[in-house]
């Protein structure tokens, strides 16, 4: 996919989103910016996991819609996407549905995979969106 045209990427992902209908939408870096744009436009309202979302780089306003469960994960050693953008994004939306996690990691967030935390984050978001207690809290 040619990522030089942000609007076309968002349109493409919207078509796929309508066809696939995921339980949780996950986006990393550029993909995080695309997911945020889909959330902001109201094209998707389900739970979302944003990994070092590059929203500010692509001029996507740093604002989450209300009533949407979102977890934002960002590495404290990220030299690609400003950590401050994720911190600001985490102050928007519905506070009880927003979770911000800062890891001792870089932009790739490899520790999420190595520790198995990525799968737990997706499961927790799904449970939260259904009104259940997250798996990691049981």
N, C-alpha and C. Protein backbone atom coordinates (compact mmCIF):
# COMPACT_ATOMS: atom_id res chain seq x y z
N UNK A 1 0.84 -1.18 0.00
CA UNK A 1 0.00 0.00 0.00
C UNK A 1 0.89 1.24 0.00
N UNK A 2 0.55 2.18 -0.84
CA UNK A 2 1.28 3.44 -0.92
C UNK A 2 0.82 4.34 0.23
N UNK A 3 1.70 4.55 1.20
CA UNK A 3 1.34 5.35 2.37
C UNK A 3 1.56 6.84 2.16
N UNK A 4 1.95 7.24 0.96
CA UNK A 4 2.18 8.67 0.72
C UNK A 4 0.87 9.45 0.60
N UNK A 5 -0.23 8.76 0.37
CA UNK A 5 -1.54 9.41 0.26
C UNK A 5 -2.40 8.96 1.45
N UNK A 6 -2.35 9.74 2.52
CA UNK A 6 -3.03 9.37 3.76
C UNK A 6 -4.53 9.16 3.55
N UNK A 7 -5.19 10.07 2.84
CA UNK A 7 -6.64 9.98 2.62
C UNK A 7 -7.01 8.69 1.88
N UNK A 8 -6.21 8.31 0.91
CA UNK A 8 -6.49 7.07 0.17
C UNK A 8 -6.32 5.84 1.07
N UNK A 9 -5.33 5.90 1.96
CA UNK A 9 -5.13 4.80 2.90
C UNK A 9 -6.31 4.67 3.85
N UNK A 10 -6.80 5.80 4.34
CA UNK A 10 -7.97 5.78 5.22
C UNK A 10 -9.17 5.20 4.48
N UNK A 11 -9.38 5.62 3.24
CA UNK A 11 -10.50 5.12 2.45
C UNK A 11 -10.38 3.61 2.22
N UNK A 12 -9.17 3.16 1.93
CA UNK A 12 -8.94 1.72 1.72
C UNK A 12 -9.24 0.93 2.99
N UNK A 13 -8.74 1.43 4.12
CA UNK A 13 -8.98 0.74 5.39
C UNK A 13 -10.46 0.74 5.77
N UNK A 14 -11.16 1.81 5.43
CA UNK A 14 -12.59 1.85 5.70
C UNK A 14 -13.31 0.77 4.91
N UNK A 15 -12.95 0.59 3.65
CA UNK A 15 -13.57 -0.48 2.84
C UNK A 15 -13.30 -1.84 3.47
N UNK A 16 -12.07 -2.07 3.91
CA UNK A 16 -11.73 -3.35 4.54
C UNK A 16 -12.44 -3.51 5.88
N UNK A 17 -12.54 -2.44 6.61
CA UNK A 17 -13.22 -2.45 7.90
C UNK A 17 -14.68 -2.86 7.74
N UNK A 18 -15.34 -2.34 6.74
CA UNK A 18 -16.75 -2.66 6.50
C UNK A 18 -16.91 -4.11 6.06
N UNK A 19 -15.93 -4.64 5.38
CA UNK A 19 -15.98 -6.02 4.91
C UNK A 19 -15.66 -7.00 6.03
N UNK A 20 -14.70 -6.66 6.87
CA UNK A 20 -14.19 -7.59 7.88
C UNK A 20 -14.88 -7.46 9.24
N UNK A 21 -15.23 -6.26 9.66
CA UNK A 21 -15.89 -5.98 10.94
C UNK A 21 -15.15 -6.60 12.14
N UNK A 22 -13.96 -6.09 12.45
CA UNK A 22 -13.18 -6.66 13.57
C UNK A 22 -13.77 -6.32 14.93
N UNK A 23 -13.42 -7.13 15.93
CA UNK A 23 -13.84 -6.88 17.31
C UNK A 23 -12.98 -5.80 17.96
N UNK A 24 -11.72 -5.74 17.58
CA UNK A 24 -10.77 -4.74 18.08
C UNK A 24 -9.92 -4.31 16.89
N UNK A 25 -9.72 -3.02 16.75
CA UNK A 25 -8.89 -2.49 15.67
C UNK A 25 -7.55 -2.08 16.26
N UNK A 26 -6.46 -2.55 15.65
CA UNK A 26 -5.11 -2.27 16.12
C UNK A 26 -4.36 -1.52 15.03
N UNK A 27 -3.70 -0.43 15.41
CA UNK A 27 -2.89 0.31 14.45
C UNK A 27 -1.60 0.77 15.10
N UNK A 28 -0.51 0.60 14.38
CA UNK A 28 0.80 0.99 14.88
C UNK A 28 1.40 2.07 13.98
N UNK A 29 1.88 3.13 14.59
CA UNK A 29 2.54 4.24 13.90
C UNK A 29 1.60 4.84 12.84
N UNK A 30 1.93 4.68 11.56
CA UNK A 30 1.05 5.17 10.49
C UNK A 30 -0.34 4.57 10.64
N UNK A 31 -0.39 3.26 10.92
CA UNK A 31 -1.68 2.59 11.10
C UNK A 31 -2.45 3.15 12.28
N UNK A 32 -1.75 3.59 13.31
CA UNK A 32 -2.40 4.22 14.45
C UNK A 32 -3.06 5.53 14.05
N UNK A 33 -2.40 6.28 13.16
CA UNK A 33 -2.99 7.52 12.66
C UNK A 33 -4.23 7.22 11.83
N UNK A 34 -4.18 6.16 11.04
CA UNK A 34 -5.34 5.77 10.23
C UNK A 34 -6.50 5.36 11.14
N UNK A 35 -6.23 4.56 12.15
CA UNK A 35 -7.28 4.13 13.09
C UNK A 35 -7.88 5.35 13.79
N UNK A 36 -7.04 6.27 14.25
CA UNK A 36 -7.56 7.46 14.91
C UNK A 36 -8.46 8.26 13.98
N UNK A 37 -8.08 8.38 12.73
CA UNK A 37 -8.91 9.12 11.77
C UNK A 37 -10.26 8.42 11.57
N UNK A 38 -10.25 7.09 11.50
CA UNK A 38 -11.52 6.34 11.38
C UNK A 38 -12.39 6.55 12.62
N UNK A 39 -11.77 6.59 13.79
CA UNK A 39 -12.51 6.85 15.03
C UNK A 39 -13.10 8.26 15.02
N UNK A 40 -12.26 9.23 14.70
CA UNK A 40 -12.69 10.63 14.73
C UNK A 40 -13.83 10.90 13.76
N UNK A 41 -13.79 10.28 12.60
CA UNK A 41 -14.83 10.49 11.58
C UNK A 41 -16.11 9.73 11.90
N UNK A 42 -16.04 8.84 12.88
CA UNK A 42 -17.21 8.04 13.23
C UNK A 42 -17.39 6.82 12.34
N UNK A 43 -16.37 6.49 11.56
CA UNK A 43 -16.44 5.32 10.68
C UNK A 43 -16.27 4.03 11.46
N UNK A 44 -15.67 4.13 12.64
CA UNK A 44 -15.46 2.97 13.51
C UNK A 44 -15.66 3.45 14.94
N UNK A 45 -16.38 2.66 15.73
CA UNK A 45 -16.64 3.07 17.11
C UNK A 45 -16.32 1.96 18.11
N UNK A 46 -15.74 0.89 17.61
CA UNK A 46 -15.39 -0.21 18.49
C UNK A 46 -14.10 0.07 19.23
N UNK A 47 -13.62 -0.87 20.02
CA UNK A 47 -12.38 -0.66 20.77
C UNK A 47 -11.18 -0.61 19.84
N UNK A 48 -10.17 0.17 20.25
CA UNK A 48 -8.98 0.33 19.42
C UNK A 48 -7.71 0.33 20.27
N UNK A 49 -6.69 -0.27 19.73
CA UNK A 49 -5.37 -0.29 20.35
C UNK A 49 -4.45 0.51 19.44
N UNK A 50 -3.93 1.62 19.96
CA UNK A 50 -3.05 2.50 19.19
C UNK A 50 -1.63 2.36 19.72
N UNK A 51 -0.73 1.90 18.87
CA UNK A 51 0.66 1.68 19.24
C UNK A 51 1.51 2.79 18.63
N UNK A 52 2.03 3.67 19.47
CA UNK A 52 2.84 4.80 19.02
C UNK A 52 2.19 5.48 17.81
N UNK A 53 0.94 5.92 17.96
CA UNK A 53 0.21 6.47 16.80
C UNK A 53 0.85 7.75 16.26
N UNK A 54 1.09 7.76 14.96
CA UNK A 54 1.76 8.89 14.30
C UNK A 54 0.75 9.95 13.85
N UNK A 55 -0.28 10.15 14.61
CA UNK A 55 -1.36 11.07 14.22
C UNK A 55 -0.86 12.48 13.96
N UNK A 56 -0.07 13.01 14.86
CA UNK A 56 0.41 14.38 14.70
C UNK A 56 1.25 14.56 13.44
N UNK A 57 2.01 13.54 13.09
CA UNK A 57 2.85 13.59 11.89
C UNK A 57 1.99 13.71 10.64
N UNK A 58 0.81 13.12 10.66
CA UNK A 58 -0.10 13.14 9.51
C UNK A 58 -1.23 14.15 9.69
N UNK A 59 -1.05 15.07 10.59
CA UNK A 59 -2.01 16.17 10.83
C UNK A 59 -3.40 15.70 11.23
N UNK A 60 -3.48 14.56 11.88
CA UNK A 60 -4.75 14.08 12.43
C UNK A 60 -4.88 14.71 13.82
N UNK A 61 -5.96 15.44 14.08
CA UNK A 61 -6.13 16.05 15.41
C UNK A 61 -6.02 15.01 16.52
N UNK A 62 -5.34 15.39 17.58
CA UNK A 62 -5.12 14.49 18.71
C UNK A 62 -6.34 14.53 19.63
N UNK A 63 -7.40 13.89 19.19
CA UNK A 63 -8.66 13.90 19.93
C UNK A 63 -9.41 12.60 19.70
N UNK A 64 -9.71 11.91 20.81
CA UNK A 64 -10.49 10.67 20.74
C UNK A 64 -11.97 10.99 20.88
N UNK A 65 -12.83 10.25 20.20
CA UNK A 65 -14.27 10.47 20.36
C UNK A 65 -14.74 9.93 21.71
N UNK A 66 -15.87 10.41 22.19
CA UNK A 66 -16.39 9.90 23.46
C UNK A 66 -16.93 8.47 23.30
N UNK A 67 -17.02 7.80 24.43
CA UNK A 67 -17.66 6.48 24.52
C UNK A 67 -16.99 5.40 23.68
N UNK A 68 -15.68 5.49 23.52
CA UNK A 68 -14.94 4.49 22.77
C UNK A 68 -13.76 4.02 23.62
N UNK A 69 -13.64 2.71 23.78
CA UNK A 69 -12.53 2.14 24.54
C UNK A 69 -11.27 2.17 23.70
N UNK A 70 -10.25 2.86 24.20
CA UNK A 70 -8.99 2.99 23.47
C UNK A 70 -7.82 2.79 24.44
N UNK A 71 -6.88 1.96 24.05
CA UNK A 71 -5.62 1.83 24.77
C UNK A 71 -4.53 2.37 23.87
N UNK A 72 -3.70 3.25 24.44
CA UNK A 72 -2.58 3.84 23.71
C UNK A 72 -1.31 3.36 24.37
N UNK A 73 -0.39 2.81 23.58
CA UNK A 73 0.88 2.35 24.09
C UNK A 73 1.99 3.09 23.35
N UNK A 74 2.96 3.59 24.11
CA UNK A 74 4.05 4.34 23.49
C UNK A 74 5.34 4.06 24.25
N UNK A 75 6.43 3.95 23.52
CA UNK A 75 7.73 3.73 24.13
C UNK A 75 8.38 5.03 24.57
N UNK A 76 8.98 5.01 25.74
CA UNK A 76 9.63 6.23 26.25
C UNK A 76 10.90 6.58 25.48
N UNK A 77 11.40 5.65 24.67
CA UNK A 77 12.61 5.90 23.87
C UNK A 77 12.28 5.99 22.38
N UNK A 78 11.06 6.37 22.06
CA UNK A 78 10.63 6.50 20.67
C UNK A 78 11.23 7.79 20.09
N UNK A 79 12.01 7.63 19.02
CA UNK A 79 12.62 8.79 18.36
C UNK A 79 11.97 9.04 17.00
N UNK A 80 10.83 8.39 16.74
CA UNK A 80 10.11 8.55 15.48
C UNK A 80 8.85 9.38 15.69
N UNK A 81 8.04 8.99 16.66
CA UNK A 81 6.77 9.67 16.96
C UNK A 81 6.88 10.28 18.36
N UNK A 82 6.56 11.56 18.50
CA UNK A 82 6.68 12.21 19.81
C UNK A 82 5.78 11.57 20.88
N UNK A 83 6.38 11.18 21.98
CA UNK A 83 5.64 10.63 23.11
C UNK A 83 4.59 11.62 23.61
N UNK A 84 4.90 12.90 23.55
CA UNK A 84 3.97 13.94 24.01
C UNK A 84 2.64 13.88 23.27
N UNK A 85 2.67 13.48 22.00
CA UNK A 85 1.42 13.38 21.24
C UNK A 85 0.49 12.32 21.84
N UNK A 86 1.06 11.17 22.20
CA UNK A 86 0.24 10.11 22.80
C UNK A 86 -0.26 10.52 24.18
N UNK A 87 0.60 11.19 24.93
CA UNK A 87 0.16 11.66 26.25
C UNK A 87 -1.01 12.63 26.10
N UNK A 88 -0.92 13.53 25.14
CA UNK A 88 -2.02 14.48 24.91
C UNK A 88 -3.28 13.75 24.45
N UNK A 89 -3.13 12.83 23.53
CA UNK A 89 -4.27 12.06 23.03
C UNK A 89 -4.98 11.33 24.16
N UNK A 90 -4.22 10.81 25.11
CA UNK A 90 -4.78 10.05 26.22
C UNK A 90 -5.62 10.91 27.17
N UNK A 91 -5.53 12.22 27.06
CA UNK A 91 -6.32 13.11 27.93
C UNK A 91 -7.68 13.42 27.31
N UNK A 92 -7.96 12.86 26.15
CA UNK A 92 -9.24 13.13 25.46
C UNK A 92 -10.13 11.90 25.54
N UNK A 93 -11.32 11.99 24.97
CA UNK A 93 -12.24 10.86 25.00
C UNK A 93 -12.91 10.72 26.35
N UNK A 94 -13.43 9.55 26.64
CA UNK A 94 -14.09 9.25 27.90
C UNK A 94 -13.06 8.65 28.86
N UNK A 95 -12.68 9.37 29.91
CA UNK A 95 -11.58 8.94 30.78
C UNK A 95 -11.67 7.49 31.26
N UNK A 96 -12.84 7.01 31.60
CA UNK A 96 -12.96 5.64 32.11
C UNK A 96 -12.70 4.58 31.04
N UNK A 97 -12.68 5.00 29.78
CA UNK A 97 -12.47 4.05 28.68
C UNK A 97 -11.10 4.19 28.02
N UNK A 98 -10.30 5.14 28.52
CA UNK A 98 -8.98 5.40 27.92
C UNK A 98 -7.90 4.87 28.85
N UNK A 99 -6.97 4.16 28.26
CA UNK A 99 -5.84 3.63 29.02
C UNK A 99 -4.56 4.03 28.28
N UNK A 100 -3.62 4.61 29.00
CA UNK A 100 -2.34 5.00 28.42
C UNK A 100 -1.24 4.21 29.10
N UNK A 101 -0.39 3.58 28.30
CA UNK A 101 0.71 2.77 28.82
C UNK A 101 2.00 3.28 28.19
N UNK A 102 2.92 3.69 29.04
CA UNK A 102 4.24 4.11 28.57
C UNK A 102 5.23 3.01 28.94
N UNK A 103 5.90 2.49 27.94
CA UNK A 103 6.84 1.39 28.15
C UNK A 103 8.28 1.85 27.99
N UNK A 104 9.18 1.15 28.65
CA UNK A 104 10.61 1.39 28.49
C UNK A 104 11.03 0.68 27.20
N UNK A 105 10.71 1.31 26.08
CA UNK A 105 10.89 0.67 24.77
C UNK A 105 11.07 1.76 23.72
N UNK A 106 11.34 1.34 22.48
CA UNK A 106 11.48 2.28 21.39
C UNK A 106 10.22 2.28 20.52
N UNK A 107 10.33 2.83 19.33
CA UNK A 107 9.16 2.96 18.46
C UNK A 107 8.57 1.61 18.05
N UNK A 108 9.40 0.61 17.88
CA UNK A 108 8.92 -0.70 17.44
C UNK A 108 8.10 -1.44 18.50
N UNK A 109 8.26 -1.06 19.76
CA UNK A 109 7.51 -1.68 20.87
C UNK A 109 7.64 -3.20 20.87
N UNK A 110 8.84 -3.68 20.61
CA UNK A 110 9.09 -5.12 20.56
C UNK A 110 8.79 -5.84 21.86
N UNK A 111 8.88 -5.14 22.98
CA UNK A 111 8.62 -5.78 24.27
C UNK A 111 7.18 -6.27 24.38
N UNK A 112 6.26 -5.66 23.65
CA UNK A 112 4.86 -6.12 23.69
C UNK A 112 4.74 -7.55 23.19
N UNK A 113 5.51 -7.89 22.17
CA UNK A 113 5.47 -9.23 21.61
C UNK A 113 6.27 -10.19 22.49
N UNK A 114 7.46 -9.78 22.89
CA UNK A 114 8.35 -10.65 23.67
C UNK A 114 7.73 -11.05 25.01
N UNK A 115 6.94 -10.17 25.61
CA UNK A 115 6.34 -10.46 26.91
C UNK A 115 4.94 -11.06 26.81
N UNK A 116 4.39 -11.09 25.62
CA UNK A 116 3.02 -11.58 25.44
C UNK A 116 1.96 -10.55 25.80
N UNK A 117 2.39 -9.33 26.09
CA UNK A 117 1.46 -8.29 26.51
C UNK A 117 0.52 -7.84 25.39
N UNK A 118 0.97 -7.94 24.14
CA UNK A 118 0.13 -7.49 23.03
C UNK A 118 -1.20 -8.24 23.00
N UNK A 119 -1.16 -9.53 23.11
CA UNK A 119 -2.38 -10.33 23.11
C UNK A 119 -3.29 -10.00 24.28
N UNK A 120 -2.69 -9.77 25.46
CA UNK A 120 -3.49 -9.41 26.64
C UNK A 120 -4.16 -8.05 26.45
N UNK A 121 -3.46 -7.11 25.84
CA UNK A 121 -4.05 -5.78 25.61
C UNK A 121 -5.27 -5.87 24.69
N UNK A 122 -5.15 -6.67 23.64
CA UNK A 122 -6.28 -6.85 22.72
C UNK A 122 -7.44 -7.52 23.44
N UNK A 123 -7.17 -8.57 24.20
CA UNK A 123 -8.23 -9.26 24.95
C UNK A 123 -8.89 -8.34 25.97
N UNK A 124 -8.08 -7.57 26.67
CA UNK A 124 -8.62 -6.64 27.68
C UNK A 124 -9.53 -5.59 27.03
N UNK A 125 -9.11 -5.07 25.88
CA UNK A 125 -9.94 -4.07 25.19
C UNK A 125 -11.28 -4.67 24.76
N UNK A 126 -11.23 -5.88 24.25
CA UNK A 126 -12.46 -6.55 23.83
C UNK A 126 -13.40 -6.74 25.02
N UNK A 127 -12.86 -7.21 26.13
CA UNK A 127 -13.68 -7.42 27.33
C UNK A 127 -14.24 -6.10 27.85
N UNK A 128 -13.42 -5.06 27.87
CA UNK A 128 -13.88 -3.75 28.32
C UNK A 128 -15.02 -3.23 27.45
N UNK A 129 -14.90 -3.43 26.17
CA UNK A 129 -15.94 -2.95 25.24
C UNK A 129 -17.26 -3.70 25.43
N UNK A 130 -17.18 -4.91 25.94
CA UNK A 130 -18.38 -5.72 26.19
C UNK A 130 -18.93 -5.47 27.60
N UNK A 131 -18.24 -4.63 28.38
CA UNK A 131 -18.70 -4.34 29.72
C UNK A 131 -18.20 -5.34 30.75
N UNK A 132 -17.29 -6.21 30.35
CA UNK A 132 -16.74 -7.19 31.27
C UNK A 132 -15.46 -6.67 31.90
N UNK A 133 -15.07 -7.31 32.98
CA UNK A 133 -13.80 -6.95 33.60
C UNK A 133 -12.68 -7.49 32.72
N UNK A 134 -11.63 -6.69 32.48
CA UNK A 134 -10.51 -7.17 31.65
C UNK A 134 -9.91 -8.46 32.18
N UNK A 135 -9.46 -9.30 31.28
CA UNK A 135 -8.87 -10.58 31.64
C UNK A 135 -7.71 -10.40 32.61
N UNK A 136 -6.87 -9.39 32.39
CA UNK A 136 -5.70 -9.19 33.25
C UNK A 136 -6.07 -8.75 34.66
N UNK A 137 -7.32 -8.34 34.89
CA UNK A 137 -7.77 -7.92 36.22
C UNK A 137 -8.43 -9.06 37.00
N UNK A 138 -8.60 -10.21 36.38
CA UNK A 138 -9.28 -11.32 37.03
C UNK A 138 -8.36 -12.10 37.92
